[in-house]
Amino acid sequence: GGGGSYISRGAFESNPQGYFSGLHAAEKGNK
């Protein structure tokens, strides 16, 4: 696992909001 937490620079630049929303969702799921 862990691959889902990685995002390419191009993908991040094209959709930073989606990246951060996914990041926060992952943090909540780990608690």
PDB file of N, CA and C in Angstrom:
ATOM      1  N   GLY A   1       0.821  -1.211   0.000  1.00  0.00           N
ATOM      2  CA  GLY A   1       0.000   0.000   0.000  1.00  0.00           C
ATOM      3  C   GLY A   1       0.843   1.244   0.000  1.00  0.00           C
ATOM      4  N   GLY A   2       0.204   2.373   0.151  1.00  0.00           N
ATOM      5  CA  GLY A   2       0.918   3.642   0.196  1.00  0.00           C
ATOM      6  C   GLY A   2       0.983   4.331  -1.147  1.00  0.00           C
ATOM      7  N   GLY A   3       0.771   3.591  -2.239  1.00  0.00           N
ATOM      8  CA  GLY A   3       0.848   4.186  -3.568  1.00  0.00           C
ATOM      9  C   GLY A   3      -0.227   5.245  -3.781  1.00  0.00           C
ATOM     10  N   GLY A   4      -1.379   5.060  -3.128  1.00  0.00           N
ATOM     11  CA  GLY A   4      -2.475   6.009  -3.313  1.00  0.00           C
ATOM     12  C   GLY A   4      -2.178   7.372  -2.710  1.00  0.00           C
ATOM     13  N   SER A   5      -1.198   7.432  -1.786  1.00  0.00           N
ATOM     14  CA  SER A   5      -0.894   8.712  -1.150  1.00  0.00           C
ATOM     15  C   SER A   5       0.061   9.533  -1.998  1.00  0.00           C
ATOM     16  N   TYR A   6       0.589   8.919  -3.070  1.00  0.00           N
ATOM     17  CA  TYR A   6       1.529   9.642  -3.931  1.00  0.00           C
ATOM     18  C   TYR A   6       0.788  10.271  -5.109  1.00  0.00           C
ATOM     19  N   ILE A   7       1.188  11.472  -5.471  1.00  0.00           N
ATOM     20  CA  ILE A   7       0.596  12.144  -6.629  1.00  0.00           C
ATOM     21  C   ILE A   7       1.705  12.834  -7.397  1.00  0.00           C
ATOM     22  N   SER A   8       1.639  12.767  -8.705  1.00  0.00           N
ATOM     23  CA  SER A   8       2.671  13.396  -9.531  1.00  0.00           C
ATOM     24  C   SER A   8       2.509  14.909  -9.513  1.00  0.00           C
ATOM     25  N   ARG A   9       3.586  15.623  -9.786  1.00  0.00           N
ATOM     26  CA  ARG A   9       3.526  17.080  -9.788  1.00  0.00           C
ATOM     27  C   ARG A   9       2.483  17.577 -10.793  1.00  0.00           C
ATOM     28  N   GLY A  10       2.424  16.949 -11.948  1.00  0.00           N
ATOM     29  CA  GLY A  10       1.459  17.362 -12.970  1.00  0.00           C
ATOM     30  C   GLY A  10       0.025  17.180 -12.492  1.00  0.00           C
ATOM     31  N   ALA A  11      -0.231  16.051 -11.824  1.00  0.00           N
ATOM     32  CA  ALA A  11      -1.578  15.794 -11.331  1.00  0.00           C
ATOM     33  C   ALA A  11      -1.940  16.786 -10.230  1.00  0.00           C
ATOM     34  N   PHE A  12      -0.970  17.112  -9.385  1.00  0.00           N
ATOM     35  CA  PHE A  12      -1.216  18.064  -8.307  1.00  0.00           C
ATOM     36  C   PHE A  12      -1.528  19.444  -8.867  1.00  0.00           C
ATOM     37  N   GLU A  13      -0.740  19.868  -9.862  1.00  0.00           N
ATOM     38  CA  GLU A  13      -0.945  21.197 -10.446  1.00  0.00           C
ATOM     39  C   GLU A  13      -2.279  21.277 -11.180  1.00  0.00           C
ATOM     40  N   SER A  14      -2.721  20.150 -11.752  1.00  0.00           N
ATOM     41  CA  SER A  14      -3.976  20.149 -12.503  1.00  0.00           C
ATOM     42  C   SER A  14      -5.187  20.094 -11.571  1.00  0.00           C
ATOM     43  N   ASN A  15      -4.995  19.567 -10.351  1.00  0.00           N
ATOM     44  CA  ASN A  15      -6.128  19.446  -9.426  1.00  0.00           C
ATOM     45  C   ASN A  15      -5.652  19.498  -7.976  1.00  0.00           C
ATOM     46  N   PRO A  16      -5.116  20.657  -7.536  1.00  0.00           N
ATOM     47  CA  PRO A  16      -4.604  20.771  -6.160  1.00  0.00           C
ATOM     48  C   PRO A  16      -5.700  20.603  -5.115  1.00  0.00           C
ATOM     49  N   GLN A  17      -6.907  21.095  -5.417  1.00  0.00           N
ATOM     50  CA  GLN A  17      -7.998  20.984  -4.439  1.00  0.00           C
ATOM     51  C   GLN A  17      -8.358  19.525  -4.194  1.00  0.00           C
ATOM     52  N   GLY A  18      -8.407  18.739  -5.257  1.00  0.00           N
ATOM     53  CA  GLY A  18      -8.724  17.321  -5.112  1.00  0.00           C
ATOM     54  C   GLY A  18      -7.632  16.601  -4.340  1.00  0.00           C
ATOM     55  N   TYR A  19      -6.380  17.033  -4.564  1.00  0.00           N
ATOM     56  CA  TYR A  19      -5.250  16.411  -3.864  1.00  0.00           C
ATOM     57  C   TYR A  19      -5.347  16.675  -2.369  1.00  0.00           C
ATOM     58  N   PHE A  20      -5.592  17.945  -2.001  1.00  0.00           N
ATOM     59  CA  PHE A  20      -5.639  18.275  -0.575  1.00  0.00           C
ATOM     60  C   PHE A  20      -6.864  17.647   0.095  1.00  0.00           C
ATOM     61  N   SER A  21      -7.989  17.601  -0.601  1.00  0.00           N
ATOM     62  CA  SER A  21      -9.178  16.983  -0.008  1.00  0.00           C
ATOM     63  C   SER A  21      -8.917  15.503   0.253  1.00  0.00           C
ATOM     64  N   GLY A  22      -8.209  14.843  -0.659  1.00  0.00           N
ATOM     65  CA  GLY A  22      -7.871  13.437  -0.474  1.00  0.00           C
ATOM     66  C   GLY A  22      -6.875  13.269   0.653  1.00  0.00           C
ATOM     67  N   LEU A  23      -5.960  14.232   0.762  1.00  0.00           N
ATOM     68  CA  LEU A  23      -4.939  14.173   1.803  1.00  0.00           C
ATOM     69  C   LEU A  23      -5.600  14.252   3.178  1.00  0.00           C
ATOM     70  N   HIS A  24      -6.523  15.196   3.354  1.00  0.00           N
ATOM     71  CA  HIS A  24      -7.192  15.349   4.646  1.00  0.00           C
ATOM     72  C   HIS A  24      -8.064  14.127   4.949  1.00  0.00           C
ATOM     73  N   ALA A  25      -8.695  13.586   3.927  1.00  0.00           N
ATOM     74  CA  ALA A  25      -9.540  12.411   4.133  1.00  0.00           C
ATOM     75  C   ALA A  25      -8.690  11.241   4.612  1.00  0.00           C
ATOM     76  N   ALA A  26      -7.483  11.112   4.057  1.00  0.00           N
ATOM     77  CA  ALA A  26      -6.591  10.023   4.456  1.00  0.00           C
ATOM     78  C   ALA A  26      -6.142  10.213   5.904  1.00  0.00           C
ATOM     79  N   GLU A  27      -5.879  11.460   6.281  1.00  0.00           N
ATOM     80  CA  GLU A  27      -5.443  11.731   7.657  1.00  0.00           C
ATOM     81  C   GLU A  27      -6.549  11.363   8.636  1.00  0.00           C
ATOM     82  N   LYS A  28      -7.793  11.693   8.310  1.00  0.00           N
ATOM     83  CA  LYS A  28      -8.905  11.367   9.197  1.00  0.00           C
ATOM     84  C   LYS A  28      -9.078   9.859   9.301  1.00  0.00           C
ATOM     85  N   GLY A  29      -8.879   9.162   8.191  1.00  0.00           N
ATOM     86  CA  GLY A  29      -9.053   7.714   8.183  1.00  0.00           C
ATOM     87  C   GLY A  29      -7.989   6.994   8.996  1.00  0.00           C
ATOM     88  N   ASN A  30      -6.824   7.603   9.154  1.00  0.00           N
ATOM     89  CA  ASN A  30      -5.734   6.956   9.894  1.00  0.00           C
ATOM     90  C   ASN A  30      -5.911   7.091  11.396  1.00  0.00           C
ATOM     91  N   LYS A  31      -6.790   7.983  11.852  1.00  0.00           N
ATOM     92  CA  LYS A  31      -6.937   8.191  13.298  1.00  0.00           C
ATOM     93  C   LYS A  31      -7.920   7.188  13.904  1.00  0.00           C
TER      94      LYS A  31
END
